Amino acid sequence: EQEQRCKAELTALQMQINPHFLYNTLSSIKYLAKQ
């Protein structure tokens, strides 16, 4: 149960990073396209 809980927490934490990074990157691509 502890291993499963830790794995779930790690997955949740990593999911926090991915959207944060993607939003910034897509904003960069949008800026370049406008230019």
PDB file of all heavy atoms in Angstrom:
ATOM      1  N   GLU A   1       0.823  -1.207   0.000  1.00  0.00           N
ATOM      2  CA  GLU A   1       0.000   0.000   0.000  1.00  0.00           C
ATOM      3  C   GLU A   1       0.853   1.252   0.000  1.00  0.00           C
ATOM      4  O   GLU A   1       0.538   2.231  -0.687  1.00  0.00           O
ATOM      5  CB  GLU A   1      -0.920   0.000   1.227  1.00  0.00           C
ATOM      6  CG  GLU A   1      -2.031  -1.038   1.158  1.00  0.00           C
ATOM      7  CD  GLU A   1      -2.837  -1.101   2.436  1.00  0.00           C
ATOM      8  OE1 GLU A   1      -2.572  -0.285   3.348  1.00  0.00           O
ATOM      9  OE2 GLU A   1      -3.732  -1.961   2.532  1.00  0.00           O
ATOM     10  N   GLN A   2       1.955   1.228   0.770  1.00  0.00           N
ATOM     11  CA  GLN A   2       2.853   2.380   0.819  1.00  0.00           C
ATOM     12  C   GLN A   2       3.500   2.621  -0.539  1.00  0.00           C
ATOM     13  O   GLN A   2       3.614   3.766  -0.996  1.00  0.00           O
ATOM     14  CB  GLN A   2       3.937   2.157   1.879  1.00  0.00           C
ATOM     15  CG  GLN A   2       4.942   3.296   2.011  1.00  0.00           C
ATOM     16  CD  GLN A   2       4.317   4.567   2.544  1.00  0.00           C
ATOM     17  OE1 GLN A   2       3.259   4.511   3.172  1.00  0.00           O
ATOM     18  NE2 GLN A   2       4.941   5.701   2.296  1.00  0.00           N
ATOM     19  N   GLU A   3       3.928   1.535  -1.197  1.00  0.00           N
ATOM     20  CA  GLU A   3       4.542   1.664  -2.519  1.00  0.00           C
ATOM     21  C   GLU A   3       3.552   2.227  -3.528  1.00  0.00           C
ATOM     22  O   GLU A   3       3.894   3.082  -4.341  1.00  0.00           O
ATOM     23  CB  GLU A   3       5.072   0.307  -2.982  1.00  0.00           C
ATOM     24  CG  GLU A   3       6.294  -0.178  -2.218  1.00  0.00           C
ATOM     25  CD  GLU A   3       6.725  -1.567  -2.642  1.00  0.00           C
ATOM     26  OE1 GLU A   3       5.920  -2.254  -3.316  1.00  0.00           O
ATOM     27  OE2 GLU A   3       7.854  -1.960  -2.299  1.00  0.00           O
ATOM     28  N   GLN A   4       2.314   1.754  -3.478  1.00  0.00           N
ATOM     29  CA  GLN A   4       1.295   2.242  -4.400  1.00  0.00           C
ATOM     30  C   GLN A   4       0.976   3.707  -4.133  1.00  0.00           C
ATOM     31  O   GLN A   4       0.780   4.494  -5.072  1.00  0.00           O
ATOM     32  CB  GLN A   4       0.028   1.396  -4.269  1.00  0.00           C
ATOM     33  CG  GLN A   4       0.186  -0.027  -4.784  1.00  0.00           C
ATOM     34  CD  GLN A   4      -1.054  -0.872  -4.530  1.00  0.00           C
ATOM     35  OE1 GLN A   4      -2.068  -0.382  -4.053  1.00  0.00           O
ATOM     36  NE2 GLN A   4      -0.956  -2.152  -4.860  1.00  0.00           N
ATOM     37  N   ARG A   5       0.939   4.087  -2.853  1.00  0.00           N
ATOM     38  CA  ARG A   5       0.654   5.480  -2.493  1.00  0.00           C
ATOM     39  C   ARG A   5       1.764   6.397  -2.983  1.00  0.00           C
ATOM     40  O   ARG A   5       1.512   7.465  -3.548  1.00  0.00           O
ATOM     41  CB  ARG A   5       0.476   5.621  -0.987  1.00  0.00           C
ATOM     42  CG  ARG A   5       0.102   7.037  -0.562  1.00  0.00           C
ATOM     43  CD  ARG A   5      -0.477   7.059   0.840  1.00  0.00           C
ATOM     44  NE  ARG A   5       0.416   6.476   1.819  1.00  0.00           N
ATOM     45  CZ  ARG A   5       0.185   5.309   2.422  1.00  0.00           C
ATOM     46  NH1 ARG A   5      -0.884   4.602   2.109  1.00  0.00           N
ATOM     47  NH2 ARG A   5       1.031   4.839   3.311  1.00  0.00           N
ATOM     48  N   CYS A   6       3.016   5.974  -2.770  1.00  0.00           N
ATOM     49  CA  CYS A   6       4.152   6.778  -3.235  1.00  0.00           C
ATOM     50  C   CYS A   6       4.156   6.909  -4.756  1.00  0.00           C
ATOM     51  O   CYS A   6       4.433   7.984  -5.296  1.00  0.00           O
ATOM     52  CB  CYS A   6       5.473   6.164  -2.767  1.00  0.00           C
ATOM     53  SG  CYS A   6       5.821   6.428  -1.021  1.00  0.00           S
ATOM     54  N   LYS A   7       3.840   5.803  -5.449  1.00  0.00           N
ATOM     55  CA  LYS A   7       3.798   5.841  -6.907  1.00  0.00           C
ATOM     56  C   LYS A   7       2.716   6.795  -7.386  1.00  0.00           C
ATOM     57  O   LYS A   7       2.912   7.564  -8.335  1.00  0.00           O
ATOM     58  CB  LYS A   7       3.546   4.440  -7.458  1.00  0.00           C
ATOM     59  CG  LYS A   7       3.615   4.367  -8.981  1.00  0.00           C
ATOM     60  CD  LYS A   7       3.493   2.930  -9.472  1.00  0.00           C
ATOM     61  CE  LYS A   7       3.616   2.858 -10.993  1.00  0.00           C
ATOM     62  NZ  LYS A   7       3.506   1.455 -11.486  1.00  0.00           N
ATOM     63  N   ALA A   8       1.547   6.765  -6.723  1.00  0.00           N
ATOM     64  CA  ALA A   8       0.457   7.662  -7.090  1.00  0.00           C
ATOM     65  C   ALA A   8       0.847   9.121  -6.846  1.00  0.00           C
ATOM     66  O   ALA A   8       0.542  10.009  -7.648  1.00  0.00           O
ATOM     67  CB  ALA A   8      -0.802   7.315  -6.302  1.00  0.00           C
ATOM     68  N   GLU A   9       1.536   9.384  -5.720  1.00  0.00           N
ATOM     69  CA  GLU A   9       1.960  10.749  -5.417  1.00  0.00           C
ATOM     70  C   GLU A   9       2.979  11.238  -6.424  1.00  0.00           C
ATOM     71  O   GLU A   9       2.931  12.385  -6.881  1.00  0.00           O
ATOM     72  CB  GLU A   9       2.542  10.802  -3.993  1.00  0.00           C
ATOM     73  CG  GLU A   9       1.482  10.655  -2.909  1.00  0.00           C
ATOM     74  CD  GLU A   9       2.088  10.519  -1.523  1.00  0.00           C
ATOM     75  OE1 GLU A   9       3.273  10.159  -1.429  1.00  0.00           O
ATOM     76  OE2 GLU A   9       1.373  10.773  -0.544  1.00  0.00           O
ATOM     77  N   LEU A  10       3.918  10.363  -6.804  1.00  0.00           N
ATOM     78  CA  LEU A  10       4.924  10.738  -7.797  1.00  0.00           C
ATOM     79  C   LEU A  10       4.269  11.037  -9.138  1.00  0.00           C
ATOM     80  O   LEU A  10       4.639  11.991  -9.828  1.00  0.00           O
ATOM     81  CB  LEU A  10       5.960   9.624  -7.946  1.00  0.00           C
ATOM     82  CG  LEU A  10       6.985   9.508  -6.830  1.00  0.00           C
ATOM     83  CD1 LEU A  10       7.725   8.186  -6.939  1.00  0.00           C
ATOM     84  CD2 LEU A  10       7.965  10.666  -6.878  1.00  0.00           C
ATOM     85  N   THR A  11       3.285  10.212  -9.512  1.00  0.00           N
ATOM     86  CA  THR A  11       2.587  10.433 -10.775  1.00  0.00           C
ATOM     87  C   THR A  11       1.865  11.774 -10.751  1.00  0.00           C
ATOM     88  O   THR A  11       1.910  12.545 -11.716  1.00  0.00           O
ATOM     89  CB  THR A  11       1.580   9.301 -11.041  1.00  0.00           C
ATOM     90  OG1 THR A  11       2.286   8.065 -11.100  1.00  0.00           O
ATOM     91  CG2 THR A  11       0.833   9.533 -12.342  1.00  0.00           C
ATOM     92  N   ALA A  12       1.196  12.068  -9.632  1.00  0.00           N
ATOM     93  CA  ALA A  12       0.482  13.337  -9.515  1.00  0.00           C
ATOM     94  C   ALA A  12       1.433  14.523  -9.588  1.00  0.00           C
ATOM     95  O   ALA A  12       1.153  15.532 -10.241  1.00  0.00           O
ATOM     96  CB  ALA A  12      -0.294  13.375  -8.197  1.00  0.00           C
ATOM     97  N   LEU A  13       2.578  14.398  -8.930  1.00  0.00           N
ATOM     98  CA  LEU A  13       3.557  15.477  -8.942  1.00  0.00           C
ATOM     99  C   LEU A  13       4.108  15.697 -10.333  1.00  0.00           C
ATOM    100  O   LEU A  13       4.295  16.832 -10.783  1.00  0.00           O
ATOM    101  CB  LEU A  13       4.693  15.155  -7.956  1.00  0.00           C
ATOM    102  CG  LEU A  13       4.327  15.249  -6.476  1.00  0.00           C
ATOM    103  CD1 LEU A  13       5.449  14.659  -5.632  1.00  0.00           C
ATOM    104  CD2 LEU A  13       4.061  16.678  -6.075  1.00  0.00           C
ATOM    105  N   GLN A  14       4.381  14.603 -11.046  1.00  0.00           N
ATOM    106  CA  GLN A  14       4.915  14.743 -12.397  1.00  0.00           C
ATOM    107  C   GLN A  14       3.870  15.338 -13.335  1.00  0.00           C
ATOM    108  O   GLN A  14       4.195  16.118 -14.228  1.00  0.00           O
ATOM    109  CB  GLN A  14       5.390  13.395 -12.925  1.00  0.00           C
ATOM    110  CG  GLN A  14       6.264  13.526 -14.172  1.00  0.00           C
ATOM    111  CD  GLN A  14       7.086  12.278 -14.414  1.00  0.00           C
ATOM    112  OE1 GLN A  14       6.637  11.171 -14.176  1.00  0.00           O
ATOM    113  NE2 GLN A  14       8.284  12.459 -14.913  1.00  0.00           N
ATOM    114  N   MET A  15       2.599  15.003 -13.119  1.00  0.00           N
ATOM    115  CA  MET A  15       1.544  15.586 -13.936  1.00  0.00           C
ATOM    116  C   MET A  15       1.432  17.085 -13.711  1.00  0.00           C
ATOM    117  O   MET A  15       0.956  17.826 -14.574  1.00  0.00           O
ATOM    118  CB  MET A  15       0.210  14.905 -13.627  1.00  0.00           C
ATOM    119  CG  MET A  15       0.088  13.504 -14.198  1.00  0.00           C
ATOM    120  SD  MET A  15       0.324  13.456 -16.002  1.00  0.00           S
ATOM    121  CE  MET A  15      -1.133  14.356 -16.525  1.00  0.00           C
ATOM    122  N   GLN A  16       1.847  17.578 -12.542  1.00  0.00           N
ATOM    123  CA  GLN A  16       1.868  19.014 -12.305  1.00  0.00           C
ATOM    124  C   GLN A  16       2.894  19.696 -13.199  1.00  0.00           C
ATOM    125  O   GLN A  16       2.661  20.767 -13.739  1.00  0.00           O
ATOM    126  CB  GLN A  16       2.206  19.318 -10.840  1.00  0.00           C
ATOM    127  CG  GLN A  16       1.091  18.994  -9.864  1.00  0.00           C
ATOM    128  CD  GLN A  16       1.516  19.283  -8.431  1.00  0.00           C
ATOM    129  OE1 GLN A  16       2.641  19.693  -8.169  1.00  0.00           O
ATOM    130  NE2 GLN A  16       0.606  19.074  -7.508  1.00  0.00           N
ATOM    131  N   ILE A  17       4.043  19.064 -13.361  1.00  0.00           N
ATOM    132  CA  ILE A  17       5.117  19.676 -14.141  1.00  0.00           C
ATOM    133  C   ILE A  17       4.769  19.692 -15.624  1.00  0.00           C
ATOM    134  O   ILE A  17       4.979  20.686 -16.309  1.00  0.00           O
ATOM    135  CB  ILE A  17       6.441  18.917 -13.929  1.00  0.00           C
ATOM    136  CG1 ILE A  17       7.208  19.560 -12.780  1.00  0.00           C
ATOM    137  CG2 ILE A  17       7.321  18.963 -15.164  1.00  0.00           C
ATOM    138  CD1 ILE A  17       8.608  19.077 -12.604  1.00  0.00           C
ATOM    139  N   ASN A  18       4.240  18.617 -16.168  1.00  0.00           N
ATOM    140  CA  ASN A  18       4.057  18.524 -17.608  1.00  0.00           C
ATOM    141  C   ASN A  18       3.169  19.633 -18.187  1.00  0.00           C
ATOM    142  O   ASN A  18       3.552  20.281 -19.155  1.00  0.00           O
ATOM    143  CB  ASN A  18       3.515  17.139 -17.975  1.00  0.00           C
ATOM    144  CG  ASN A  18       4.563  16.053 -17.787  1.00  0.00           C
ATOM    145  OD1 ASN A  18       5.745  16.332 -17.804  1.00  0.00           O
ATOM    146  ND2 ASN A  18       4.114  14.832 -17.608  1.00  0.00           N
ATOM    147  N   PRO A  19       1.974  19.898 -17.631  1.00  0.00           N
ATOM    148  CA  PRO A  19       1.172  20.999 -18.167  1.00  0.00           C
ATOM    149  C   PRO A  19       1.871  22.345 -18.014  1.00  0.00           C
ATOM    150  O   PRO A  19       1.803  23.182 -18.916  1.00  0.00           O
ATOM    151  CB  PRO A  19      -0.115  20.943 -17.329  1.00  0.00           C
ATOM    152  CG  PRO A  19      -0.186  19.546 -16.834  1.00  0.00           C
ATOM    153  CD  PRO A  19       1.239  19.143 -16.600  1.00  0.00           C
ATOM    154  N   HIS A  20       2.519  22.554 -16.875  1.00  0.00           N
ATOM    155  CA  HIS A  20       3.239  23.815 -16.641  1.00  0.00           C
ATOM    156  C   HIS A  20       4.251  24.064 -17.750  1.00  0.00           C
ATOM    157  O   HIS A  20       4.340  25.164 -18.305  1.00  0.00           O
ATOM    158  CB  HIS A  20       3.934  23.735 -15.286  1.00  0.00           C
ATOM    159  CG  HIS A  20       4.797  24.907 -14.966  1.00  0.00           C
ATOM    160  ND1 HIS A  20       4.291  26.168 -14.732  1.00  0.00           N
ATOM    161  CD2 HIS A  20       6.137  25.015 -14.825  1.00  0.00           C
ATOM    162  CE1 HIS A  20       5.288  27.000 -14.480  1.00  0.00           C
ATOM    163  NE2 HIS A  20       6.411  26.315 -14.533  1.00  0.00           N
ATOM    164  N   PHE A  21       5.001  23.050 -18.112  1.00  0.00           N
ATOM    165  CA  PHE A  21       6.001  23.170 -19.169  1.00  0.00           C
ATOM    166  C   PHE A  21       5.345  23.339 -20.540  1.00  0.00           C
ATOM    167  O   PHE A  21       5.751  24.170 -21.354  1.00  0.00           O
ATOM    168  CB  PHE A  21       6.908  21.943 -19.162  1.00  0.00           C
ATOM    169  CG  PHE A  21       7.754  21.805 -20.396  1.00  0.00           C
ATOM    170  CD1 PHE A  21       8.795  22.673 -20.634  1.00  0.00           C
ATOM    171  CD2 PHE A  21       7.481  20.815 -21.322  1.00  0.00           C
ATOM    172  CE1 PHE A  21       9.570  22.559 -21.778  1.00  0.00           C
ATOM    173  CE2 PHE A  21       8.244  20.683 -22.460  1.00  0.00           C
ATOM    174  CZ  PHE A  21       9.297  21.567 -22.693  1.00  0.00           C
ATOM    175  N   LEU A  22       4.305  22.554 -20.787  1.00  0.00           N
ATOM    176  CA  LEU A  22       3.660  22.592 -22.094  1.00  0.00           C
ATOM    177  C   LEU A  22       3.026  23.946 -22.382  1.00  0.00           C
ATOM    178  O   LEU A  22       3.101  24.454 -23.506  1.00  0.00           O
ATOM    179  CB  LEU A  22       2.599  21.497 -22.185  1.00  0.00           C
ATOM    180  CG  LEU A  22       3.117  20.070 -22.366  1.00  0.00           C
ATOM    181  CD1 LEU A  22       1.965  19.079 -22.268  1.00  0.00           C
ATOM    182  CD2 LEU A  22       3.815  19.921 -23.705  1.00  0.00           C
ATOM    183  N   TYR A  23       2.394  24.541 -21.385  1.00  0.00           N
ATOM    184  CA  TYR A  23       1.757  25.841 -21.591  1.00  0.00           C
ATOM    185  C   TYR A  23       2.779  26.878 -22.038  1.00  0.00           C
ATOM    186  O   TYR A  23       2.529  27.658 -22.970  1.00  0.00           O
ATOM    187  CB  TYR A  23       1.068  26.315 -20.308  1.00  0.00           C
ATOM    188  CG  TYR A  23      -0.060  25.421 -19.836  1.00  0.00           C
ATOM    189  CD1 TYR A  23      -0.387  25.354 -18.491  1.00  0.00           C
ATOM    190  CD2 TYR A  23      -0.789  24.641 -20.729  1.00  0.00           C
ATOM    191  CE1 TYR A  23      -1.419  24.535 -18.049  1.00  0.00           C
ATOM    192  CE2 TYR A  23      -1.816  23.819 -20.288  1.00  0.00           C
ATOM    193  CZ  TYR A  23      -2.127  23.768 -18.949  1.00  0.00           C
ATOM    194  OH  TYR A  23      -3.134  22.956 -18.503  1.00  0.00           O
ATOM    195  N   ASN A  24       3.939  26.890 -21.358  1.00  0.00           N
ATOM    196  CA  ASN A  24       4.981  27.860 -21.714  1.00  0.00           C
ATOM    197  C   ASN A  24       5.531  27.610 -23.112  1.00  0.00           C
ATOM    198  O   ASN A  24       5.793  28.549 -23.871  1.00  0.00           O
ATOM    199  CB  ASN A  24       6.112  27.818 -20.688  1.00  0.00           C
ATOM    200  CG  ASN A  24       5.693  28.395 -19.351  1.00  0.00           C
ATOM    201  OD1 ASN A  24       4.791  29.221 -19.279  1.00  0.00           O
ATOM    202  ND2 ASN A  24       6.336  27.957 -18.288  1.00  0.00           N
ATOM    203  N   THR A  25       5.717  26.333 -23.449  1.00  0.00           N
ATOM    204  CA  THR A  25       6.272  26.007 -24.767  1.00  0.00           C
ATOM    205  C   THR A  25       5.298  26.371 -25.877  1.00  0.00           C
ATOM    206  O   THR A  25       5.693  26.943 -26.907  1.00  0.00           O
ATOM    207  CB  THR A  25       6.604  24.510 -24.845  1.00  0.00           C
ATOM    208  OG1 THR A  25       7.494  24.176 -23.790  1.00  0.00           O
ATOM    209  CG2 THR A  25       7.252  24.165 -26.179  1.00  0.00           C
ATOM    210  N   LEU A  26       4.034  26.063 -25.697  1.00  0.00           N
ATOM    211  CA  LEU A  26       3.038  26.393 -26.708  1.00  0.00           C
ATOM    212  C   LEU A  26       2.906  27.909 -26.862  1.00  0.00           C
ATOM    213  O   LEU A  26       2.667  28.401 -27.980  1.00  0.00           O
ATOM    214  CB  LEU A  26       1.692  25.765 -26.346  1.00  0.00           C
ATOM    215  CG  LEU A  26       1.652  24.237 -26.434  1.00  0.00           C
ATOM    216  CD1 LEU A  26       0.329  23.692 -25.906  1.00  0.00           C
ATOM    217  CD2 LEU A  26       1.871  23.765 -27.863  1.00  0.00           C
ATOM    218  N   SER A  27       3.080  28.643 -25.790  1.00  0.00           N
ATOM    219  CA  SER A  27       3.079  30.106 -25.883  1.00  0.00           C
ATOM    220  C   SER A  27       4.236  30.592 -26.748  1.00  0.00           C
ATOM    221  O   SER A  27       4.087  31.535 -27.533  1.00  0.00           O
ATOM    222  CB  SER A  27       3.177  30.730 -24.484  1.00  0.00           C
ATOM    223  OG  SER A  27       2.029  30.451 -23.727  1.00  0.00           O
ATOM    224  N   SER A  28       5.396  29.936 -26.619  1.00  0.00           N
ATOM    225  CA  SER A  28       6.551  30.294 -27.441  1.00  0.00           C
ATOM    226  C   SER A  28       6.266  30.040 -28.917  1.00  0.00           C
ATOM    227  O   SER A  28       6.589  30.872 -29.778  1.00  0.00           O
ATOM    228  CB  SER A  28       7.784  29.479 -27.015  1.00  0.00           C
ATOM    229  OG  SER A  28       8.139  29.767 -25.687  1.00  0.00           O
ATOM    230  N   ILE A  29       5.676  28.891 -29.222  1.00  0.00           N
ATOM    231  CA  ILE A  29       5.369  28.553 -30.608  1.00  0.00           C
ATOM    232  C   ILE A  29       4.343  29.541 -31.181  1.00  0.00           C
ATOM    233  O   ILE A  29       4.464  29.987 -32.336  1.00  0.00           O
ATOM    234  CB  ILE A  29       4.854  27.107 -30.704  1.00  0.00           C
ATOM    235  CG1 ILE A  29       5.978  26.128 -30.317  1.00  0.00           C
ATOM    236  CG2 ILE A  29       4.329  26.797 -32.102  1.00  0.00           C
ATOM    237  CD1 ILE A  29       5.529  24.695 -30.178  1.00  0.00           C
ATOM    238  N   LYS A  30       3.362  29.916 -30.378  1.00  0.00           N
ATOM    239  CA  LYS A  30       2.358  30.890 -30.817  1.00  0.00           C
ATOM    240  C   LYS A  30       3.019  32.235 -31.139  1.00  0.00           C
ATOM    241  O   LYS A  30       2.702  32.865 -32.159  1.00  0.00           O
ATOM    242  CB  LYS A  30       1.309  31.067 -29.718  1.00  0.00           C
ATOM    243  CG  LYS A  30       0.206  32.060 -30.074  1.00  0.00           C
ATOM    244  CD  LYS A  30      -0.792  32.173 -28.923  1.00  0.00           C
ATOM    245  CE  LYS A  30      -1.872  33.198 -29.244  1.00  0.00           C
ATOM    246  NZ  LYS A  30      -2.848  33.328 -28.117  1.00  0.00           N
ATOM    247  N   TYR A  31       3.957  32.646 -30.278  1.00  0.00           N
ATOM    248  CA  TYR A  31       4.666  33.906 -30.504  1.00  0.00           C
ATOM    249  C   TYR A  31       5.463  33.852 -31.807  1.00  0.00           C
ATOM    250  O   TYR A  31       5.425  34.788 -32.613  1.00  0.00           O
ATOM    251  CB  TYR A  31       5.599  34.179 -29.325  1.00  0.00           C
ATOM    252  CG  TYR A  31       6.560  35.323 -29.559  1.00  0.00           C
ATOM    253  CD1 TYR A  31       6.136  36.640 -29.433  1.00  0.00           C
ATOM    254  CD2 TYR A  31       7.889  35.079 -29.906  1.00  0.00           C
ATOM    255  CE1 TYR A  31       7.010  37.691 -29.647  1.00  0.00           C
ATOM    256  CE2 TYR A  31       8.767  36.115 -30.129  1.00  0.00           C
ATOM    257  CZ  TYR A  31       8.326  37.418 -29.998  1.00  0.00           C
ATOM    258  OH  TYR A  31       9.190  38.457 -30.217  1.00  0.00           O
ATOM    259  N   LEU A  32       6.186  32.760 -32.043  1.00  0.00           N
ATOM    260  CA  LEU A  32       6.982  32.614 -33.265  1.00  0.00           C
ATOM    261  C   LEU A  32       6.091  32.621 -34.503  1.00  0.00           C
ATOM    262  O   LEU A  32       6.441  33.211 -35.533  1.00  0.00           O
ATOM    263  CB  LEU A  32       7.790  31.314 -33.218  1.00  0.00           C
ATOM    264  CG  LEU A  32       8.924  31.245 -32.211  1.00  0.00           C
ATOM    265  CD1 LEU A  32       9.484  29.831 -32.153  1.00  0.00           C
ATOM    266  CD2 LEU A  32      10.028  32.229 -32.567  1.00  0.00           C
ATOM    267  N   ALA A  33       4.966  31.949 -34.409  1.00  0.00           N
ATOM    268  CA  ALA A  33       4.048  31.902 -35.551  1.00  0.00           C
ATOM    269  C   ALA A  33       3.537  33.296 -35.896  1.00  0.00           C
ATOM    270  O   ALA A  33       3.446  33.667 -37.075  1.00  0.00           O
ATOM    271  CB  ALA A  33       2.886  30.965 -35.248  1.00  0.00           C
ATOM    272  N   LYS A  34       3.219  34.081 -34.877  1.00  0.00           N
ATOM    273  CA  LYS A  34       2.763  35.450 -35.111  1.00  0.00           C
ATOM    274  C   LYS A  34       3.842  36.294 -35.776  1.00  0.00           C
ATOM    275  O   LYS A  34       3.548  37.193 -36.563  1.00  0.00           O
ATOM    276  CB  LYS A  34       2.337  36.092 -33.791  1.00  0.00           C
ATOM    277  CG  LYS A  34       1.004  35.605 -33.265  1.00  0.00           C
ATOM    278  CD  LYS A  34       0.607  36.358 -31.996  1.00  0.00           C
ATOM    279  CE  LYS A  34      -0.777  35.943 -31.524  1.00  0.00           C
ATOM    280  NZ  LYS A  34      -1.184  36.671 -30.295  1.00  0.00           N
ATOM    281  N   GLN A  35       5.103  36.004 -35.450  1.00  0.00           N
ATOM    282  CA  GLN A  35       6.229  36.721 -36.032  1.00  0.00           C
ATOM    283  C   GLN A  35       6.634  36.153 -37.385  1.00  0.00           C
ATOM    284  O   GLN A  35       7.565  36.643 -38.011  1.00  0.00           O
ATOM    285  CB  GLN A  35       7.429  36.670 -35.067  1.00  0.00           C
ATOM    286  CG  GLN A  35       7.196  37.346 -33.730  1.00  0.00           C
ATOM    287  CD  GLN A  35       7.041  38.843 -33.860  1.00  0.00           C
ATOM    288  OE1 GLN A  35       7.799  39.488 -34.583  1.00  0.00           O
ATOM    289  NE2 GLN A  35       6.069  39.398 -33.145  1.00  0.00           N
TER     290      GLN A  35
END
